[in-house]
N, C-alpha and C. Protein backbone atom coordinates (compact mmCIF):
# COMPACT_ATOMS: atom_id res chain seq x y z
N MET A 1 103.79 96.33 105.93
CA MET A 1 103.42 95.36 104.93
C MET A 1 104.32 95.49 103.72
N ILE A 2 104.39 94.42 102.94
CA ILE A 2 105.18 94.39 101.73
C ILE A 2 104.28 94.77 100.55
N CYS A 3 104.74 95.67 99.71
CA CYS A 3 103.98 96.05 98.52
C CYS A 3 103.90 94.86 97.58
N TRP A 4 102.71 94.57 97.10
CA TRP A 4 102.51 93.43 96.19
C TRP A 4 103.19 93.66 94.84
N LYS A 5 103.42 94.91 94.48
CA LYS A 5 103.96 95.21 93.15
C LYS A 5 105.49 95.35 93.15
N CYS A 6 106.03 96.21 94.02
CA CYS A 6 107.48 96.45 94.01
C CYS A 6 108.23 95.59 95.02
N ARG A 7 107.50 94.87 95.88
CA ARG A 7 108.06 93.97 96.88
C ARG A 7 108.95 94.67 97.90
N LYS A 8 108.68 95.94 98.16
CA LYS A 8 109.44 96.70 99.17
C LYS A 8 108.56 96.90 100.40
N GLU A 9 109.20 97.07 101.55
CA GLU A 9 108.48 97.35 102.79
C GLU A 9 107.86 98.74 102.70
N THR A 10 106.57 98.86 103.04
CA THR A 10 105.87 100.14 102.90
C THR A 10 105.80 100.93 104.20
N GLY A 11 105.91 100.26 105.34
CA GLY A 11 105.75 100.93 106.62
C GLY A 11 104.29 101.08 107.02
N ILE A 12 103.38 100.55 106.23
CA ILE A 12 101.94 100.61 106.52
C ILE A 12 101.51 99.22 106.97
N GLU A 13 100.94 99.13 108.18
CA GLU A 13 100.55 97.82 108.70
C GLU A 13 99.18 97.37 108.23
N LYS A 14 98.18 98.26 108.33
CA LYS A 14 96.80 97.93 107.95
C LYS A 14 96.30 98.94 106.93
N PRO A 15 96.51 98.67 105.66
CA PRO A 15 96.09 99.64 104.64
C PRO A 15 94.57 99.75 104.54
N VAL A 16 94.12 100.95 104.27
CA VAL A 16 92.71 101.21 103.99
C VAL A 16 92.59 101.47 102.50
N ARG A 17 91.38 101.61 102.03
CA ARG A 17 91.13 101.66 100.59
C ARG A 17 91.98 102.69 99.83
N GLY A 18 92.25 103.85 100.38
CA GLY A 18 92.97 104.88 99.66
C GLY A 18 94.49 104.83 99.77
N ASP A 19 95.04 103.90 100.54
CA ASP A 19 96.49 103.85 100.74
C ASP A 19 97.22 103.37 99.50
N GLU A 20 98.39 103.99 99.27
CA GLU A 20 99.27 103.62 98.16
C GLU A 20 100.65 103.32 98.70
N CYS A 21 101.40 102.55 97.94
CA CYS A 21 102.80 102.29 98.27
C CYS A 21 103.55 103.62 98.13
N PRO A 22 104.33 104.01 99.13
CA PRO A 22 105.07 105.28 99.03
C PRO A 22 106.18 105.24 97.99
N LEU A 23 106.56 104.06 97.52
CA LEU A 23 107.65 103.95 96.55
C LEU A 23 107.16 103.85 95.11
N CYS A 24 106.20 102.95 94.84
CA CYS A 24 105.76 102.76 93.45
C CYS A 24 104.34 103.26 93.20
N HIS A 25 103.67 103.72 94.24
CA HIS A 25 102.32 104.30 94.17
C HIS A 25 101.24 103.31 93.74
N ALA A 26 101.49 102.03 93.94
CA ALA A 26 100.47 101.01 93.67
C ALA A 26 99.44 101.04 94.80
N ASP A 27 98.18 100.78 94.47
CA ASP A 27 97.15 100.65 95.50
C ASP A 27 97.53 99.50 96.42
N LEU A 28 97.25 99.64 97.73
CA LEU A 28 97.61 98.60 98.68
C LEU A 28 96.42 97.76 99.14
N HIS A 29 95.21 98.33 99.12
CA HIS A 29 94.02 97.57 99.54
C HIS A 29 93.48 96.85 98.30
N VAL A 30 94.26 95.86 97.83
CA VAL A 30 93.92 95.13 96.61
C VAL A 30 93.99 93.63 96.89
N CYS A 31 93.35 92.87 96.03
CA CYS A 31 93.33 91.41 96.19
C CYS A 31 94.74 90.83 96.25
N LYS A 32 95.62 91.29 95.39
CA LYS A 32 96.97 90.72 95.33
C LYS A 32 97.78 90.97 96.60
N ALA A 33 97.36 91.90 97.44
CA ALA A 33 98.06 92.18 98.69
C ALA A 33 97.38 91.51 99.87
N CYS A 34 96.33 90.75 99.61
CA CYS A 34 95.52 90.16 100.67
C CYS A 34 96.02 88.77 101.05
N GLU A 35 95.88 88.47 102.32
CA GLU A 35 96.23 87.15 102.84
C GLU A 35 95.42 86.04 102.17
N PHE A 36 94.20 86.33 101.75
CA PHE A 36 93.32 85.33 101.15
C PHE A 36 93.54 85.14 99.65
N TYR A 37 94.33 85.99 99.02
CA TYR A 37 94.54 85.89 97.57
C TYR A 37 95.30 84.62 97.23
N GLU A 38 94.77 83.88 96.28
CA GLU A 38 95.46 82.69 95.78
C GLU A 38 95.07 82.50 94.32
N SER A 39 96.00 82.74 93.44
CA SER A 39 95.74 82.58 92.02
C SER A 39 95.35 81.14 91.75
N GLY A 40 94.26 80.97 91.03
CA GLY A 40 93.78 79.64 90.71
C GLY A 40 92.64 79.17 91.60
N ALA A 41 92.48 79.77 92.76
CA ALA A 41 91.34 79.45 93.63
C ALA A 41 90.09 80.07 93.02
N HIS A 42 88.91 79.65 93.48
CA HIS A 42 87.66 80.23 92.98
C HIS A 42 87.70 81.74 93.20
N ASN A 43 87.52 82.52 92.14
CA ASN A 43 87.64 83.98 92.17
C ASN A 43 89.00 84.46 92.66
N ASP A 44 90.00 83.60 92.62
CA ASP A 44 91.36 83.88 93.11
C ASP A 44 91.36 84.27 94.58
N CYS A 45 90.41 83.73 95.36
CA CYS A 45 90.29 84.10 96.77
C CYS A 45 89.92 82.86 97.59
N ARG A 46 90.65 82.66 98.71
CA ARG A 46 90.33 81.55 99.60
C ARG A 46 89.18 81.87 100.55
N GLU A 47 88.78 83.14 100.65
CA GLU A 47 87.63 83.52 101.49
C GLU A 47 86.37 83.25 100.69
N THR A 48 85.59 82.27 101.12
CA THR A 48 84.43 81.83 100.34
C THR A 48 83.26 82.81 100.37
N SER A 49 83.22 83.72 101.33
CA SER A 49 82.11 84.67 101.42
C SER A 49 82.37 85.98 100.70
N ALA A 50 83.59 86.19 100.24
CA ALA A 50 83.93 87.45 99.58
C ALA A 50 83.25 87.57 98.23
N GLU A 51 82.85 88.79 97.90
CA GLU A 51 82.25 89.04 96.59
C GLU A 51 83.34 89.05 95.51
N PHE A 52 82.95 88.79 94.28
CA PHE A 52 83.89 88.79 93.16
C PHE A 52 84.46 90.19 92.94
N VAL A 53 85.76 90.26 92.74
CA VAL A 53 86.44 91.51 92.39
C VAL A 53 87.12 91.27 91.05
N GLY A 54 86.75 92.08 90.06
CA GLY A 54 87.26 91.88 88.70
C GLY A 54 88.74 92.19 88.54
N ASP A 55 89.17 93.33 89.03
CA ASP A 55 90.56 93.74 88.87
C ASP A 55 91.29 93.55 90.19
N LYS A 56 92.15 92.56 90.25
CA LYS A 56 92.85 92.18 91.48
C LYS A 56 93.97 93.15 91.85
N GLU A 57 94.27 94.11 90.97
CA GLU A 57 95.37 95.05 91.22
C GLU A 57 94.88 96.46 91.51
N ARG A 58 93.57 96.68 91.61
CA ARG A 58 93.02 98.01 91.89
C ARG A 58 92.32 97.99 93.23
N ARG A 59 92.33 99.12 93.91
CA ARG A 59 91.71 99.19 95.23
C ARG A 59 90.25 98.78 95.17
N ASN A 60 89.78 98.19 96.27
CA ASN A 60 88.42 97.69 96.31
C ASN A 60 87.83 97.87 97.71
N PHE A 61 86.58 97.48 97.86
CA PHE A 61 85.86 97.64 99.12
C PHE A 61 85.69 96.33 99.87
N CYS A 62 86.46 95.31 99.59
CA CYS A 62 86.28 94.00 100.20
C CYS A 62 86.39 94.10 101.73
N ASP A 63 85.35 93.61 102.40
CA ASP A 63 85.32 93.62 103.86
C ASP A 63 86.21 92.54 104.47
N TYR A 64 86.65 91.58 103.67
CA TYR A 64 87.44 90.47 104.19
C TYR A 64 88.94 90.70 104.02
N PHE A 65 89.32 91.84 103.48
CA PHE A 65 90.73 92.12 103.21
C PHE A 65 91.56 92.04 104.48
N ARG A 66 92.67 91.30 104.38
CA ARG A 66 93.68 91.27 105.44
C ARG A 66 95.03 91.39 104.75
N ALA A 67 95.82 92.34 105.20
CA ALA A 67 97.13 92.54 104.59
C ALA A 67 97.94 91.25 104.69
N GLY A 68 98.59 90.88 103.59
CA GLY A 68 99.44 89.69 103.59
C GLY A 68 100.50 89.79 104.67
N THR A 69 100.89 88.66 105.22
CA THR A 69 101.81 88.66 106.36
C THR A 69 103.23 88.27 105.99
N LYS A 70 103.52 88.08 104.71
CA LYS A 70 104.87 87.69 104.31
C LYS A 70 105.85 88.82 104.52
N THR A 71 107.06 88.46 104.89
CA THR A 71 108.14 89.43 104.98
C THR A 71 108.84 89.51 103.63
N VAL A 72 109.76 90.43 103.48
CA VAL A 72 110.51 90.55 102.22
C VAL A 72 111.25 89.25 101.94
N ALA A 73 111.86 88.65 102.95
CA ALA A 73 112.61 87.40 102.76
C ALA A 73 111.68 86.27 102.32
N GLU A 74 110.50 86.17 102.94
CA GLU A 74 109.56 85.11 102.60
C GLU A 74 108.98 85.30 101.20
N SER A 75 108.79 86.55 100.79
CA SER A 75 108.21 86.79 99.48
C SER A 75 109.21 86.53 98.37
N GLY A 76 110.48 86.42 98.72
CA GLY A 76 111.50 86.15 97.71
C GLY A 76 111.82 87.36 96.86
N GLY A 77 111.11 88.46 97.08
CA GLY A 77 111.37 89.68 96.34
C GLY A 77 110.94 89.62 94.89
N VAL A 78 110.34 88.49 94.47
CA VAL A 78 109.96 88.33 93.07
C VAL A 78 108.55 87.77 92.99
N ASP A 79 107.73 88.35 92.15
CA ASP A 79 106.40 87.83 91.88
C ASP A 79 106.55 86.89 90.69
N LYS A 80 106.51 85.59 90.94
CA LYS A 80 106.77 84.60 89.89
C LYS A 80 105.76 84.67 88.76
N ALA A 81 104.50 84.90 89.09
CA ALA A 81 103.48 84.99 88.04
C ALA A 81 103.75 86.20 87.16
N ALA A 82 104.09 87.33 87.77
CA ALA A 82 104.38 88.53 86.99
C ALA A 82 105.62 88.34 86.13
N ALA A 83 106.63 87.67 86.68
CA ALA A 83 107.85 87.42 85.91
C ALA A 83 107.56 86.53 84.71
N ALA A 84 106.74 85.50 84.90
CA ALA A 84 106.38 84.62 83.79
C ALA A 84 105.57 85.37 82.74
N ARG A 85 104.63 86.20 83.19
CA ARG A 85 103.81 86.99 82.27
C ARG A 85 104.67 87.95 81.47
N ASP A 86 105.63 88.61 82.14
CA ASP A 86 106.53 89.54 81.46
C ASP A 86 107.39 88.82 80.43
N ALA A 87 107.88 87.62 80.78
CA ALA A 87 108.69 86.85 79.84
C ALA A 87 107.86 86.45 78.62
N PHE A 88 106.62 86.03 78.86
CA PHE A 88 105.73 85.66 77.76
C PHE A 88 105.46 86.87 76.86
N ASN A 89 105.12 88.01 77.48
CA ASN A 89 104.81 89.21 76.71
C ASN A 89 106.01 89.71 75.93
N SER A 90 107.21 89.52 76.46
CA SER A 90 108.40 89.99 75.74
C SER A 90 108.64 89.20 74.45
N LEU A 91 108.09 88.00 74.38
CA LEU A 91 108.21 87.21 73.15
C LEU A 91 107.44 87.84 71.99
N PHE A 92 106.37 88.56 72.29
CA PHE A 92 105.50 89.08 71.25
C PHE A 92 105.53 90.60 71.10
N ASN A 93 106.38 91.27 71.82
CA ASN A 93 106.49 92.73 71.71
C ASN A 93 107.77 93.16 71.06
């Protein structure tokens, strides 16, 4: 799977709650790494039965979690939302 944070291949196919990216140590069983994650959807999740998760970047117990299926090429290697947020924050720091 591709790490949601550093966009590198992790070598982990099905992460469980305690798994971390071996490169950047980000949690892998998180909303942002899930196939159902969609910013702007209700609760940022396309799975209608999933419970609300407040922090989309921290490990959770969601039973509907499925590791995202994008490859490095498909992901573009860049998180556009994070890049926009970083650009915005740099204006005020």
